Structure formats: structure tokens, C-alpha cells
């Protein structure tokens, strides 16, 4: 199974972005508004310059109580691991687990085409296993 298969099943496939100049308060509001855990940081809405997640906010709150008054550019992750739509789901799941991150942008060359979460990947894997189980069960009961 490929990442492209996961992107096709997402309920909300649009990638939500935020500028590096935006405040952390706006970041938190946008995450809540869209019920998501991470945003792509982009100055123009198409070119990725970083990623920022709930985890970035929480980890900085522990060491810096004023993080809420900071900008997104001040807390974002600049070196972003990405995948392509052609990548194997299991390979990407392994990369995310080993890297201990929950969101990965999907790119085609330099173009951002989507973002998947570890929850998206696990859901897709469970759906596939349930389908296979149902097919085997149907086959066994036909015999």
C-alpha cells in the first residue's frame, strides 16, 4: 500500500498552512479550528519552510512559559522529514515511529501535495486488515 492510497481516503485532504510570523496563539486557534495536530509553515501557502505541531508548543511551555507570546517561526521545526505519494505505507510508518514524530508532509519534488499523520496510517492499515479478514472469512464459509 502506498501513501497515495492514504491521501485518497483522508476526510480533509487540504493542507493547512501558517506563516512563520503568525503568533503561537493563532497557531493554537488554527489547530483547534481544524481539529488537527500540525501545520505546515509557509510564507506563500505552497512552499514549505517548516512544520509546527501541538508537541512543539507543549514542549516549549515546559521550559518557557511565555511561549504563547512567541511566533511560529520561533518554535517550528525547520529540518522536516518528508515522504512521497509513491512511498510504501509500512516504510513511512517505520520512519515516523523511529523518528518519534506524528506528522509527515507528502511532497512531489518541491511541491507539497499533502500531509499524513500516524493516525491516518494506522487507520488505513487497520481498514486493510479488516478487509482481508472479511475476505478470508467469506472464502472459508463458502467451502
C-alpha atoms as a PDB file:
ATOM      1  CA  UNK A   1       0.000   0.000   0.000  1.00  0.00           C
ATOM      2  CA  UNK A   2       1.250   3.456  -0.932  1.00  0.00           C
ATOM      3  CA  UNK A   3       0.908   6.862   0.723  1.00  0.00           C
ATOM      4  CA  UNK A   4      -1.197   7.939  -2.278  1.00  0.00           C
ATOM      5  CA  UNK A   5      -3.821   5.404  -1.103  1.00  0.00           C
ATOM      6  CA  UNK A   6      -3.868   7.051   2.325  1.00  0.00           C
ATOM      7  CA  UNK A   7      -4.241  10.533   0.827  1.00  0.00           C
ATOM      8  CA  UNK A   8      -7.276   9.350  -1.191  1.00  0.00           C
ATOM      9  CA  UNK A   9      -9.087   8.235   1.980  1.00  0.00           C
ATOM     10  CA  UNK A  10      -8.495  11.354   4.087  1.00  0.00           C
ATOM     11  CA  UNK A  11     -11.707  13.162   5.023  1.00  0.00           C
ATOM     12  CA  UNK A  12      -9.976  16.538   4.865  1.00  0.00           C
ATOM     13  CA  UNK A  13      -7.147  16.275   2.331  1.00  0.00           C
ATOM     14  CA  UNK A  14      -6.326  20.002   2.203  1.00  0.00           C
ATOM     15  CA  UNK A  15      -3.044  21.036   3.799  1.00  0.00           C
ATOM     16  CA  UNK A  16      -3.438  23.833   6.326  1.00  0.00           C
ATOM     17  CA  UNK A  17      -0.538  26.278   6.476  1.00  0.00           C
ATOM     18  CA  UNK A  18       0.538  29.115   8.720  1.00  0.00           C
ATOM     19  CA  UNK A  19       3.126  31.850   8.236  1.00  0.00           C
ATOM     20  CA  UNK A  20       6.278  31.985  10.361  1.00  0.00           C
ATOM     21  CA  UNK A  21       5.280  35.492  11.511  1.00  0.00           C
ATOM     22  CA  UNK A  22       1.975  34.265  12.967  1.00  0.00           C
ATOM     23  CA  UNK A  23       1.715  34.148  16.727  1.00  0.00           C
ATOM     24  CA  UNK A  24       1.570  30.949  18.749  1.00  0.00           C
ATOM     25  CA  UNK A  25      -1.924  31.962  19.917  1.00  0.00           C
ATOM     26  CA  UNK A  26      -3.044  31.969  16.270  1.00  0.00           C
ATOM     27  CA  UNK A  27      -1.325  28.605  15.790  1.00  0.00           C
ATOM     28  CA  UNK A  28      -3.221  27.063  18.692  1.00  0.00           C
ATOM     29  CA  UNK A  29      -6.512  28.539  17.441  1.00  0.00           C
ATOM     30  CA  UNK A  30      -5.916  27.186  13.921  1.00  0.00           C
ATOM     31  CA  UNK A  31      -5.058  23.709  15.213  1.00  0.00           C
ATOM     32  CA  UNK A  32      -8.256  23.701  17.277  1.00  0.00           C
ATOM     33  CA  UNK A  33     -10.386  25.119  14.449  1.00  0.00           C
ATOM     34  CA  UNK A  34      -9.312  22.379  12.040  1.00  0.00           C
ATOM     35  CA  UNK A  35      -9.035  19.657  14.713  1.00  0.00           C
ATOM     36  CA  UNK A  36      -5.514  18.774  13.576  1.00  0.00           C
ATOM     37  CA  UNK A  37      -2.179  18.303  15.298  1.00  0.00           C
ATOM     38  CA  UNK A  38       0.288  20.041  12.986  1.00  0.00           C
ATOM     39  CA  UNK A  39       0.556  22.815  10.415  1.00  0.00           C
ATOM     40  CA  UNK A  40       2.949  23.356   7.561  1.00  0.00           C
ATOM     41  CA  UNK A  41       4.831  26.637   7.949  1.00  0.00           C
ATOM     42  CA  UNK A  42       4.846  28.562   4.687  1.00  0.00           C
ATOM     43  CA  UNK A  43       5.274  32.179   3.704  1.00  0.00           C
ATOM     44  CA  UNK A  44       3.248  31.786   0.499  1.00  0.00           C
ATOM     45  CA  UNK A  45       0.904  28.871   1.267  1.00  0.00           C
ATOM     46  CA  UNK A  46       2.696  26.474  -1.095  1.00  0.00           C
ATOM     47  CA  UNK A  47       6.409  26.395  -0.238  1.00  0.00           C
ATOM     48  CA  UNK A  48       7.234  24.535   2.978  1.00  0.00           C
ATOM     49  CA  UNK A  49       9.793  26.157   5.265  1.00  0.00           C
ATOM     50  CA  UNK A  50       8.968  24.125   8.360  1.00  0.00           C
ATOM     51  CA  UNK A  51       6.366  22.269  10.371  1.00  0.00           C
ATOM     52  CA  UNK A  52       4.878  23.088  13.761  1.00  0.00           C
ATOM     53  CA  UNK A  53       2.806  20.836  15.994  1.00  0.00           C
ATOM     54  CA  UNK A  54       0.969  20.736  19.296  1.00  0.00           C
ATOM     55  CA  UNK A  55       4.004  18.936  20.654  1.00  0.00           C
ATOM     56  CA  UNK A  56       6.243  21.914  19.766  1.00  0.00           C
ATOM     57  CA  UNK A  57       4.028  24.207  21.826  1.00  0.00           C
ATOM     58  CA  UNK A  58       3.744  21.856  24.807  1.00  0.00           C
ATOM     59  CA  UNK A  59       7.451  21.070  24.981  1.00  0.00           C
ATOM     60  CA  UNK A  60       8.341  24.763  24.951  1.00  0.00           C
ATOM     61  CA  UNK A  61       5.723  25.588  27.580  1.00  0.00           C
ATOM     62  CA  UNK A  62       7.621  23.322  29.952  1.00  0.00           C
ATOM     63  CA  UNK A  63      10.811  25.380  29.643  1.00  0.00           C
ATOM     64  CA  UNK A  64       9.374  28.750  28.625  1.00  0.00           C
ATOM     65  CA  UNK A  65       6.015  29.836  29.998  1.00  0.00           C
ATOM     66  CA  UNK A  66       5.967  32.812  27.645  1.00  0.00           C
ATOM     67  CA  UNK A  67       5.965  30.624  24.500  1.00  0.00           C
ATOM     68  CA  UNK A  68       2.366  31.665  23.853  1.00  0.00           C
ATOM     69  CA  UNK A  69       3.681  35.166  23.087  1.00  0.00           C
ATOM     70  CA  UNK A  70       6.250  33.841  20.589  1.00  0.00           C
ATOM     71  CA  UNK A  71       5.945  33.461  16.811  1.00  0.00           C
ATOM     72  CA  UNK A  72       5.538  30.243  14.870  1.00  0.00           C
ATOM     73  CA  UNK A  73       8.962  30.808  13.298  1.00  0.00           C
ATOM     74  CA  UNK A  74      10.479  30.755  16.769  1.00  0.00           C
ATOM     75  CA  UNK A  75       9.205  27.283  17.642  1.00  0.00           C
ATOM     76  CA  UNK A  76       8.836  25.461  14.323  1.00  0.00           C
ATOM     77  CA  UNK A  77      10.912  22.502  13.169  1.00  0.00           C
ATOM     78  CA  UNK A  78      12.969  23.667  10.191  1.00  0.00           C
ATOM     79  CA  UNK A  79      14.520  20.373   9.084  1.00  0.00           C
ATOM     80  CA  UNK A  80      11.455  18.410   8.017  1.00  0.00           C
ATOM     81  CA  UNK A  81      11.413  14.735   7.089  1.00  0.00           C
ATOM     82  CA  UNK A  82       9.097  14.211   4.111  1.00  0.00           C
ATOM     83  CA  UNK A  83       7.776  11.328   2.031  1.00  0.00           C
ATOM     84  CA  UNK A  84       6.360  10.944  -1.465  1.00  0.00           C
ATOM     85  CA  UNK A  85       2.975   9.649  -2.557  1.00  0.00           C
ATOM     86  CA  UNK A  86       4.726   6.610  -4.037  1.00  0.00           C
ATOM     87  CA  UNK A  87       6.350   5.608  -0.742  1.00  0.00           C
ATOM     88  CA  UNK A  88       5.253   2.383   0.936  1.00  0.00           C
ATOM     89  CA  UNK A  89       2.948   2.884   3.931  1.00  0.00           C
ATOM     90  CA  UNK A  90       4.948   0.480   6.128  1.00  0.00           C
ATOM     91  CA  UNK A  91       8.226   2.265   5.323  1.00  0.00           C
ATOM     92  CA  UNK A  92       6.754   5.655   6.246  1.00  0.00           C
ATOM     93  CA  UNK A  93       5.188   4.225   9.406  1.00  0.00           C
ATOM     94  CA  UNK A  94       8.586   2.840  10.397  1.00  0.00           C
ATOM     95  CA  UNK A  95      10.290   6.189   9.695  1.00  0.00           C
ATOM     96  CA  UNK A  96       7.744   8.056  11.817  1.00  0.00           C
ATOM     97  CA  UNK A  97       7.985   5.553  14.671  1.00  0.00           C
ATOM     98  CA  UNK A  98      11.783   5.583  14.698  1.00  0.00           C
ATOM     99  CA  UNK A  99      11.888   9.390  14.426  1.00  0.00           C
ATOM    100  CA  UNK A 100       9.179   9.744  17.092  1.00  0.00           C
ATOM    101  CA  UNK A 101       7.087  12.230  15.107  1.00  0.00           C
ATOM    102  CA  UNK A 102       3.399  12.051  14.261  1.00  0.00           C
ATOM    103  CA  UNK A 103       3.037  14.082  11.060  1.00  0.00           C
ATOM    104  CA  UNK A 104       4.887  13.890   7.762  1.00  0.00           C
ATOM    105  CA  UNK A 105       4.416  16.137   4.735  1.00  0.00           C
ATOM    106  CA  UNK A 106       3.934  14.419   1.375  1.00  0.00           C
ATOM    107  CA  UNK A 107       5.850  16.062  -1.444  1.00  0.00           C
ATOM    108  CA  UNK A 108       6.269  15.653  -5.178  1.00  0.00           C
ATOM    109  CA  UNK A 109       9.657  17.200  -5.874  1.00  0.00           C
ATOM    110  CA  UNK A 110       9.410  20.601  -4.187  1.00  0.00           C
ATOM    111  CA  UNK A 111       5.599  20.685  -4.336  1.00  0.00           C
ATOM    112  CA  UNK A 112       3.640  19.969  -1.166  1.00  0.00           C
ATOM    113  CA  UNK A 113       0.811  17.542  -2.035  1.00  0.00           C
ATOM    114  CA  UNK A 114      -0.472  16.522   1.393  1.00  0.00           C
ATOM    115  CA  UNK A 115       0.272  15.615   4.970  1.00  0.00           C
ATOM    116  CA  UNK A 116      -0.389  12.353   6.794  1.00  0.00           C
ATOM    117  CA  UNK A 117      -0.450  11.580  10.484  1.00  0.00           C
ATOM    118  CA  UNK A 118       0.497   8.367  12.173  1.00  0.00           C
ATOM    119  CA  UNK A 119      -3.225   8.021  12.942  1.00  0.00           C
ATOM    120  CA  UNK A 120      -4.028   8.187   9.205  1.00  0.00           C
ATOM    121  CA  UNK A 121      -1.517   5.418   8.528  1.00  0.00           C
ATOM    122  CA  UNK A 122      -2.708   3.181  11.366  1.00  0.00           C
ATOM    123  CA  UNK A 123      -6.365   3.650  10.358  1.00  0.00           C
ATOM    124  CA  UNK A 124      -5.549   2.723   6.768  1.00  0.00           C
ATOM    125  CA  UNK A 125      -3.621  -0.349   7.901  1.00  0.00           C
ATOM    126  CA  UNK A 126      -6.478  -1.478  10.182  1.00  0.00           C
ATOM    127  CA  UNK A 127      -9.026  -0.964   7.394  1.00  0.00           C
ATOM    128  CA  UNK A 128      -6.894  -3.083   5.071  1.00  0.00           C
ATOM    129  CA  UNK A 129      -6.509  -5.862   7.660  1.00  0.00           C
ATOM    130  CA  UNK A 130     -10.260  -5.872   8.344  1.00  0.00           C
ATOM    131  CA  UNK A 131     -10.950  -6.113   4.604  1.00  0.00           C
ATOM    132  CA  UNK A 132      -8.571  -9.060   4.265  1.00  0.00           C
ATOM    133  CA  UNK A 133     -10.113 -10.756   7.311  1.00  0.00           C
ATOM    134  CA  UNK A 134     -13.600 -10.345   5.850  1.00  0.00           C
ATOM    135  CA  UNK A 135     -12.455 -11.755   2.515  1.00  0.00           C
ATOM    136  CA  UNK A 136     -10.877 -14.786   4.176  1.00  0.00           C
ATOM    137  CA  UNK A 137     -13.944 -15.296   6.360  1.00  0.00           C
ATOM    138  CA  UNK A 138     -16.195 -15.150   3.301  1.00  0.00           C
ATOM    139  CA  UNK A 139     -13.967 -17.619   1.457  1.00  0.00           C
ATOM    140  CA  UNK A 140     -13.888 -20.089   4.358  1.00  0.00           C
ATOM    141  CA  UNK A 141     -17.678 -20.005   4.741  1.00  0.00           C
ATOM    142  CA  UNK A 142     -18.157 -20.720   1.021  1.00  0.00           C
ATOM    143  CA  UNK A 143     -16.302 -24.025   1.310  1.00  0.00           C
END
